[in-house]
């Protein structure tokens, strides 16, 4: 992980906005992120509000940022890449596993119709819920639970995005994916890759491996069945 302890924290929202603009240009547009809706969301959503104050000077760096409880907010490029891979049009119902501090859920709220997000750490779930309220986000529901179980009461989902790495594809989640839907997740222990799964209209599942990544492991039930 790349640390910039010496980086000065911006003193105004205008400075943060300028950093966001540079982040989008240098980290996303120059590295194959071309979905205009994803770029606009990344340009508009104040990422620095979702990290501890101590690390706000790092919020727009090309690296993950700690958010406490041994968790991180993912590198901006990886967030944008995963969102782009979902191929969202705005009409979808999306399940997010691993809300963290709520940043990705807020991005999703601008890209789809309804977001259901699960966070296993109670303190982070509460923090994310407060951010949703502060930003007046109305199309996101959050619960504190084990993401391995999914959210069966709200299934099926058009898209599922997982922000912690299990050792195998959770069948609970795959079962909650609508036919014609897509799921993206990091898969593996030490050697992780992003994996996209597409469920056809007949229910057959197709898999495609993408880029190498490094995510925190999925905890809870996922640890017991790996």
C-alpha atoms as a PDB file:
ATOM      1  CA  UNK A   1       0.000   0.000   0.000  1.00  0.00           C
ATOM      2  CA  UNK A   2       1.260   3.479  -0.854  1.00  0.00           C
ATOM      3  CA  UNK A   3       1.201   5.923   2.078  1.00  0.00           C
ATOM      4  CA  UNK A   4       1.464   9.720   1.834  1.00  0.00           C
ATOM      5  CA  UNK A   5       1.690  10.830   5.455  1.00  0.00           C
ATOM      6  CA  UNK A   6       3.182  14.164   4.443  1.00  0.00           C
ATOM      7  CA  UNK A   7       0.377  15.158   2.060  1.00  0.00           C
ATOM      8  CA  UNK A   8      -1.403  18.300   3.180  1.00  0.00           C
ATOM      9  CA  UNK A   9      -5.121  17.963   3.798  1.00  0.00           C
ATOM     10  CA  UNK A  10      -7.196  20.338   1.634  1.00  0.00           C
ATOM     11  CA  UNK A  11      -8.791  23.197   3.531  1.00  0.00           C
ATOM     12  CA  UNK A  12     -11.864  23.740   1.353  1.00  0.00           C
ATOM     13  CA  UNK A  13     -14.452  21.807  -0.632  1.00  0.00           C
ATOM     14  CA  UNK A  14     -13.137  23.518  -3.767  1.00  0.00           C
ATOM     15  CA  UNK A  15      -9.710  21.968  -3.159  1.00  0.00           C
ATOM     16  CA  UNK A  16     -11.277  18.551  -2.641  1.00  0.00           C
ATOM     17  CA  UNK A  17     -13.302  18.977  -5.840  1.00  0.00           C
ATOM     18  CA  UNK A  18     -10.121  19.826  -7.740  1.00  0.00           C
ATOM     19  CA  UNK A  19      -8.468  16.664  -6.424  1.00  0.00           C
ATOM     20  CA  UNK A  20     -11.515  14.657  -7.467  1.00  0.00           C
ATOM     21  CA  UNK A  21     -11.234  16.053 -10.956  1.00  0.00           C
ATOM     22  CA  UNK A  22      -7.548  15.116 -11.155  1.00  0.00           C
ATOM     23  CA  UNK A  23      -8.357  11.644  -9.803  1.00  0.00           C
ATOM     24  CA  UNK A  24     -10.913  11.068 -12.551  1.00  0.00           C
ATOM     25  CA  UNK A  25      -8.605  12.340 -15.282  1.00  0.00           C
ATOM     26  CA  UNK A  26      -5.337  10.682 -14.261  1.00  0.00           C
ATOM     27  CA  UNK A  27      -6.455   7.497 -12.502  1.00  0.00           C
ATOM     28  CA  UNK A  28      -9.644   6.598 -14.375  1.00  0.00           C
ATOM     29  CA  UNK A  29      -9.897   8.098 -17.858  1.00  0.00           C
ATOM     30  CA  UNK A  30      -6.272   7.304 -18.677  1.00  0.00           C
ATOM     31  CA  UNK A  31      -6.748   3.709 -17.513  1.00  0.00           C
ATOM     32  CA  UNK A  32      -9.699   2.385 -19.519  1.00  0.00           C
ATOM     33  CA  UNK A  33     -12.626   3.793 -17.517  1.00  0.00           C
ATOM     34  CA  UNK A  34     -14.935   5.163 -20.206  1.00  0.00           C
ATOM     35  CA  UNK A  35     -18.460   4.826 -18.773  1.00  0.00           C
ATOM     36  CA  UNK A  36     -19.574   8.460 -18.575  1.00  0.00           C
ATOM     37  CA  UNK A  37     -22.090   7.791 -15.796  1.00  0.00           C
ATOM     38  CA  UNK A  38     -19.425   6.129 -13.643  1.00  0.00           C
ATOM     39  CA  UNK A  39     -16.989   8.976 -14.311  1.00  0.00           C
ATOM     40  CA  UNK A  40     -19.615  11.573 -13.416  1.00  0.00           C
ATOM     41  CA  UNK A  41     -20.476   9.808 -10.157  1.00  0.00           C
ATOM     42  CA  UNK A  42     -16.801   9.520  -9.194  1.00  0.00           C
ATOM     43  CA  UNK A  43     -16.327  13.190 -10.023  1.00  0.00           C
ATOM     44  CA  UNK A  44     -19.311  14.286  -7.914  1.00  0.00           C
ATOM     45  CA  UNK A  45     -19.319  12.073  -4.797  1.00  0.00           C
ATOM     46  CA  UNK A  46     -17.050  13.457  -2.017  1.00  0.00           C
ATOM     47  CA  UNK A  47     -14.862  10.416  -1.308  1.00  0.00           C
ATOM     48  CA  UNK A  48     -13.027  12.248   1.491  1.00  0.00           C
ATOM     49  CA  UNK A  49     -16.171  12.226   3.644  1.00  0.00           C
ATOM     50  CA  UNK A  50     -16.025   8.427   3.786  1.00  0.00           C
ATOM     51  CA  UNK A  51     -12.544   8.136   5.317  1.00  0.00           C
ATOM     52  CA  UNK A  52     -11.340   9.093   8.813  1.00  0.00           C
ATOM     53  CA  UNK A  53     -10.260  12.718   9.136  1.00  0.00           C
ATOM     54  CA  UNK A  54      -6.653  11.631   9.708  1.00  0.00           C
ATOM     55  CA  UNK A  55      -6.528  10.144   6.188  1.00  0.00           C
ATOM     56  CA  UNK A  56      -8.540  12.720   4.249  1.00  0.00           C
ATOM     57  CA  UNK A  57      -5.417  14.049   2.581  1.00  0.00           C
ATOM     58  CA  UNK A  58      -5.071  10.574   0.992  1.00  0.00           C
ATOM     59  CA  UNK A  59      -8.696  10.233  -0.102  1.00  0.00           C
ATOM     60  CA  UNK A  60      -7.994  10.868  -3.801  1.00  0.00           C
ATOM     61  CA  UNK A  61      -4.668   9.053  -4.007  1.00  0.00           C
ATOM     62  CA  UNK A  62      -4.242   6.016  -6.249  1.00  0.00           C
ATOM     63  CA  UNK A  63      -4.442   3.597  -3.317  1.00  0.00           C
ATOM     64  CA  UNK A  64      -6.800   2.069  -0.745  1.00  0.00           C
ATOM     65  CA  UNK A  65      -7.371   4.080   2.443  1.00  0.00           C
ATOM     66  CA  UNK A  66      -7.940   2.651   5.950  1.00  0.00           C
ATOM     67  CA  UNK A  67     -11.406   3.223   7.413  1.00  0.00           C
ATOM     68  CA  UNK A  68     -10.887   1.412  10.723  1.00  0.00           C
ATOM     69  CA  UNK A  69     -11.708  -2.082  12.000  1.00  0.00           C
ATOM     70  CA  UNK A  70      -9.027  -3.563   9.687  1.00  0.00           C
ATOM     71  CA  UNK A  71     -11.039  -2.469   6.637  1.00  0.00           C
ATOM     72  CA  UNK A  72     -10.239  -0.162   3.729  1.00  0.00           C
ATOM     73  CA  UNK A  73     -11.998   1.912   1.107  1.00  0.00           C
ATOM     74  CA  UNK A  74     -10.832   0.505  -2.223  1.00  0.00           C
ATOM     75  CA  UNK A  75      -8.485   2.208  -4.677  1.00  0.00           C
ATOM     76  CA  UNK A  76     -10.503   4.603  -6.905  1.00  0.00           C
ATOM     77  CA  UNK A  77      -9.611   2.755 -10.105  1.00  0.00           C
ATOM     78  CA  UNK A  78     -10.822  -0.585  -8.739  1.00  0.00           C
ATOM     79  CA  UNK A  79     -14.097   0.974  -7.557  1.00  0.00           C
ATOM     80  CA  UNK A  80     -14.689   2.509 -10.991  1.00  0.00           C
ATOM     81  CA  UNK A  81     -13.600  -0.642 -12.820  1.00  0.00           C
ATOM     82  CA  UNK A  82     -16.014  -2.855 -10.885  1.00  0.00           C
ATOM     83  CA  UNK A  83     -18.877  -0.411 -11.388  1.00  0.00           C
ATOM     84  CA  UNK A  84     -18.151  -0.220 -15.108  1.00  0.00           C
ATOM     85  CA  UNK A  85     -18.139  -4.027 -15.334  1.00  0.00           C
ATOM     86  CA  UNK A  86     -21.681  -4.114 -13.928  1.00  0.00           C
ATOM     87  CA  UNK A  87     -22.945  -2.326 -17.077  1.00  0.00           C
ATOM     88  CA  UNK A  88     -25.601  -0.379 -15.200  1.00  0.00           C
ATOM     89  CA  UNK A  89     -28.289   1.473 -17.133  1.00  0.00           C
ATOM     90  CA  UNK A  90     -30.150   3.071 -14.215  1.00  0.00           C
ATOM     91  CA  UNK A  91     -33.083   0.669 -13.886  1.00  0.00           C
ATOM     92  CA  UNK A  92     -31.415  -2.073 -11.852  1.00  0.00           C
ATOM     93  CA  UNK A  93     -31.848  -3.328  -8.316  1.00  0.00           C
ATOM     94  CA  UNK A  94     -28.354  -3.959  -6.915  1.00  0.00           C
ATOM     95  CA  UNK A  95     -27.050  -5.902  -3.919  1.00  0.00           C
ATOM     96  CA  UNK A  96     -23.743  -4.744  -2.443  1.00  0.00           C
ATOM     97  CA  UNK A  97     -21.817  -6.977  -0.054  1.00  0.00           C
ATOM     98  CA  UNK A  98     -19.416  -5.021   2.148  1.00  0.00           C
ATOM     99  CA  UNK A  99     -20.742  -1.495   2.547  1.00  0.00           C
ATOM    100  CA  UNK A 100     -17.727  -0.310   4.508  1.00  0.00           C
ATOM    101  CA  UNK A 101     -18.165   3.404   5.150  1.00  0.00           C
ATOM    102  CA  UNK A 102     -20.802   3.689   2.395  1.00  0.00           C
ATOM    103  CA  UNK A 103     -18.823   5.256  -0.468  1.00  0.00           C
ATOM    104  CA  UNK A 104     -19.580   2.666  -3.124  1.00  0.00           C
ATOM    105  CA  UNK A 105     -23.250   2.492  -2.105  1.00  0.00           C
ATOM    106  CA  UNK A 106     -23.564   6.240  -2.682  1.00  0.00           C
ATOM    107  CA  UNK A 107     -21.954   5.867  -6.107  1.00  0.00           C
ATOM    108  CA  UNK A 108     -24.387   3.047  -6.873  1.00  0.00           C
ATOM    109  CA  UNK A 109     -27.309   5.203  -5.756  1.00  0.00           C
ATOM    110  CA  UNK A 110     -26.546   7.474  -8.719  1.00  0.00           C
ATOM    111  CA  UNK A 111     -26.179   4.624 -11.183  1.00  0.00           C
ATOM    112  CA  UNK A 112     -29.149   2.342 -10.495  1.00  0.00           C
ATOM    113  CA  UNK A 113     -32.732   2.337  -9.236  1.00  0.00           C
ATOM    114  CA  UNK A 114     -32.346   0.696  -5.804  1.00  0.00           C
ATOM    115  CA  UNK A 115     -29.396  -0.417  -3.674  1.00  0.00           C
ATOM    116  CA  UNK A 116     -29.430  -2.996  -0.897  1.00  0.00           C
ATOM    117  CA  UNK A 117     -26.135  -3.040   0.980  1.00  0.00           C
ATOM    118  CA  UNK A 118     -24.878  -5.279   3.786  1.00  0.00           C
ATOM    119  CA  UNK A 119     -22.045  -4.610   6.243  1.00  0.00           C
ATOM    120  CA  UNK A 120     -20.989  -7.190   8.822  1.00  0.00           C
ATOM    121  CA  UNK A 121     -19.251  -4.689  11.155  1.00  0.00           C
ATOM    122  CA  UNK A 122     -21.876  -2.896  13.210  1.00  0.00           C
ATOM    123  CA  UNK A 123     -19.900   0.323  13.674  1.00  0.00           C
ATOM    124  CA  UNK A 124     -19.268   0.685   9.941  1.00  0.00           C
ATOM    125  CA  UNK A 125     -22.894  -0.093   9.111  1.00  0.00           C
ATOM    126  CA  UNK A 126     -23.990   2.662  11.507  1.00  0.00           C
ATOM    127  CA  UNK A 127     -21.444   5.074  10.039  1.00  0.00           C
ATOM    128  CA  UNK A 128     -22.591   4.320   6.492  1.00  0.00           C
ATOM    129  CA  UNK A 129     -26.217   4.778   7.505  1.00  0.00           C
ATOM    130  CA  UNK A 130     -25.441   8.205   8.949  1.00  0.00           C
ATOM    131  CA  UNK A 131     -23.707   9.232   5.739  1.00  0.00           C
ATOM    132  CA  UNK A 132     -26.749   8.180   3.700  1.00  0.00           C
ATOM    133  CA  UNK A 133     -28.880  10.411   5.879  1.00  0.00           C
ATOM    134  CA  UNK A 134     -26.472  13.350   5.747  1.00  0.00           C
ATOM    135  CA  UNK A 135     -26.316  13.165   1.946  1.00  0.00           C
ATOM    136  CA  UNK A 136     -30.091  12.623   1.701  1.00  0.00           C
ATOM    137  CA  UNK A 137     -29.727   9.349  -0.196  1.00  0.00           C
ATOM    138  CA  UNK A 138     -33.204   7.823  -0.513  1.00  0.00           C
ATOM    139  CA  UNK A 139     -32.702   4.745  -2.672  1.00  0.00           C
ATOM    140  CA  UNK A 140     -30.258   2.810  -0.471  1.00  0.00           C
ATOM    141  CA  UNK A 141     -31.200   0.327   2.248  1.00  0.00           C
ATOM    142  CA  UNK A 142     -28.472  -0.859   4.607  1.00  0.00           C
ATOM    143  CA  UNK A 143     -28.410  -3.634   7.162  1.00  0.00           C
ATOM    144  CA  UNK A 144     -25.809  -5.092   9.498  1.00  0.00           C
ATOM    145  CA  UNK A 145     -25.573  -8.790   8.721  1.00  0.00           C
ATOM    146  CA  UNK A 146     -23.343 -11.494   7.276  1.00  0.00           C
ATOM    147  CA  UNK A 147     -23.018 -10.713   3.580  1.00  0.00           C
ATOM    148  CA  UNK A 148     -22.438 -14.369   2.761  1.00  0.00           C
ATOM    149  CA  UNK A 149     -26.169 -14.879   3.316  1.00  0.00           C
ATOM    150  CA  UNK A 150     -27.185 -12.111   0.949  1.00  0.00           C
ATOM    151  CA  UNK A 151     -30.599 -10.457   1.307  1.00  0.00           C
ATOM    152  CA  UNK A 152     -33.122 -13.150   0.305  1.00  0.00           C
ATOM    153  CA  UNK A 153     -36.159 -11.052   1.252  1.00  0.00           C
ATOM    154  CA  UNK A 154     -35.273  -8.532  -1.467  1.00  0.00           C
ATOM    155  CA  UNK A 155     -34.070 -11.017  -4.107  1.00  0.00           C
ATOM    156  CA  UNK A 156     -33.718 -11.459  -6.998  1.00  0.00           C
ATOM    157  CA  UNK A 157     -31.178  -8.771  -7.871  1.00  0.00           C
ATOM    158  CA  UNK A 158     -30.195  -7.527 -11.306  1.00  0.00           C
ATOM    159  CA  UNK A 159     -26.613  -6.979 -10.191  1.00  0.00           C
ATOM    160  CA  UNK A 160     -24.489  -8.068  -7.216  1.00  0.00           C
ATOM    161  CA  UNK A 161     -21.170  -6.461  -6.285  1.00  0.00           C
ATOM    162  CA  UNK A 162     -18.952  -7.939  -3.566  1.00  0.00           C
ATOM    163  CA  UNK A 163     -16.236  -5.884  -1.862  1.00  0.00           C
ATOM    164  CA  UNK A 164     -14.556  -8.614   0.208  1.00  0.00           C
ATOM    165  CA  UNK A 165     -12.871 -11.755  -1.064  1.00  0.00           C
ATOM    166  CA  UNK A 166     -14.322 -15.212  -0.369  1.00  0.00           C
ATOM    167  CA  UNK A 167     -12.395 -18.361  -1.198  1.00  0.00           C
ATOM    168  CA  UNK A 168     -15.180 -19.551  -3.489  1.00  0.00           C
ATOM    169  CA  UNK A 169     -18.294 -18.140  -5.154  1.00  0.00           C
ATOM    170  CA  UNK A 170     -21.032 -17.952  -2.473  1.00  0.00           C
ATOM    171  CA  UNK A 171     -23.942 -20.008  -3.775  1.00  0.00           C
ATOM    172  CA  UNK A 172     -26.371 -18.009  -1.633  1.00  0.00           C
ATOM    173  CA  UNK A 173     -25.487 -14.907  -3.620  1.00  0.00           C
ATOM    174  CA  UNK A 174     -25.521 -16.652  -6.972  1.00  0.00           C
ATOM    175  CA  UNK A 175     -28.979 -17.979  -6.152  1.00  0.00           C
ATOM    176  CA  UNK A 176     -30.190 -14.416  -5.498  1.00  0.00           C
ATOM    177  CA  UNK A 177     -28.977 -13.174  -8.890  1.00  0.00           C
ATOM    178  CA  UNK A 178     -31.748 -12.709 -11.436  1.00  0.00           C
ATOM    179  CA  UNK A 179     -31.527 -14.548 -14.745  1.00  0.00           C
ATOM    180  CA  UNK A 180     -29.851 -12.159 -17.147  1.00  0.00           C
ATOM    181  CA  UNK A 181     -27.978 -10.562 -14.237  1.00  0.00           C
ATOM    182  CA  UNK A 182     -24.296  -9.987 -13.494  1.00  0.00           C
ATOM    183  CA  UNK A 183     -22.205 -10.407 -10.359  1.00  0.00           C
ATOM    184  CA  UNK A 184     -18.658  -9.173  -9.777  1.00  0.00           C
ATOM    185  CA  UNK A 185     -16.453 -10.184  -6.865  1.00  0.00           C
ATOM    186  CA  UNK A 186     -12.813 -10.646  -5.854  1.00  0.00           C
ATOM    187  CA  UNK A 187     -12.073 -14.351  -5.483  1.00  0.00           C
ATOM    188  CA  UNK A 188      -9.277 -16.168  -3.681  1.00  0.00           C
ATOM    189  CA  UNK A 189      -7.055 -15.963  -0.644  1.00  0.00           C
ATOM    190  CA  UNK A 190      -3.516 -14.783  -1.402  1.00  0.00           C
ATOM    191  CA  UNK A 191      -3.843 -14.955  -5.190  1.00  0.00           C
ATOM    192  CA  UNK A 192      -6.997 -12.945  -5.891  1.00  0.00           C
ATOM    193  CA  UNK A 193      -8.648 -11.984  -9.159  1.00  0.00           C
ATOM    194  CA  UNK A 194     -11.826 -10.166  -9.996  1.00  0.00           C
ATOM    195  CA  UNK A 195     -14.443 -12.507 -11.390  1.00  0.00           C
ATOM    196  CA  UNK A 196     -17.539 -11.566 -13.399  1.00  0.00           C
ATOM    197  CA  UNK A 197     -20.415 -14.018 -13.509  1.00  0.00           C
ATOM    198  CA  UNK A 198     -23.267 -13.690 -15.979  1.00  0.00           C
ATOM    199  CA  UNK A 199     -26.438 -15.723 -15.433  1.00  0.00           C
ATOM    200  CA  UNK A 200     -28.143 -16.385 -18.751  1.00  0.00           C
ATOM    201  CA  UNK A 201     -31.887 -16.298 -19.358  1.00  0.00           C
ATOM    202  CA  UNK A 202     -31.866 -20.095 -19.038  1.00  0.00           C
ATOM    203  CA  UNK A 203     -30.018 -19.988 -15.709  1.00  0.00           C
ATOM    204  CA  UNK A 204     -26.617 -21.103 -16.976  1.00  0.00           C
ATOM    205  CA  UNK A 205     -23.722 -19.244 -15.344  1.00  0.00           C
ATOM    206  CA  UNK A 206     -20.744 -18.006 -17.359  1.00  0.00           C
ATOM    207  CA  UNK A 207     -17.520 -16.863 -15.646  1.00  0.00           C
ATOM    208  CA  UNK A 208     -14.791 -14.510 -16.774  1.00  0.00           C
ATOM    209  CA  UNK A 209     -11.585 -13.741 -14.877  1.00  0.00           C
ATOM    210  CA  UNK A 210     -10.375 -10.149 -14.871  1.00  0.00           C
ATOM    211  CA  UNK A 211      -7.499  -8.260 -13.234  1.00  0.00           C
ATOM    212  CA  UNK A 212      -5.472  -9.328 -10.175  1.00  0.00           C
ATOM    213  CA  UNK A 213      -6.604  -7.547  -6.995  1.00  0.00           C
ATOM    214  CA  UNK A 214      -6.034  -7.478  -3.252  1.00  0.00           C
ATOM    215  CA  UNK A 215      -9.162  -7.199  -1.082  1.00  0.00           C
ATOM    216  CA  UNK A 216      -9.775  -7.855   2.578  1.00  0.00           C
ATOM    217  CA  UNK A 217     -11.115 -11.389   3.106  1.00  0.00           C
ATOM    218  CA  UNK A 218     -14.819 -12.035   3.488  1.00  0.00           C
ATOM    219  CA  UNK A 219     -15.466 -12.785   7.162  1.00  0.00           C
ATOM    220  CA  UNK A 220     -18.280 -14.559   8.987  1.00  0.00           C
ATOM    221  CA  UNK A 221     -19.743 -17.721   7.461  1.00  0.00           C
ATOM    222  CA  UNK A 222     -17.417 -17.449   4.468  1.00  0.00           C
ATOM    223  CA  UNK A 223     -14.472 -18.263   6.748  1.00  0.00           C
ATOM    224  CA  UNK A 224     -16.113 -21.468   7.958  1.00  0.00           C
ATOM    225  CA  UNK A 225     -16.892 -22.896   4.544  1.00  0.00           C
ATOM    226  CA  UNK A 226     -13.699 -21.885   2.698  1.00  0.00           C
END
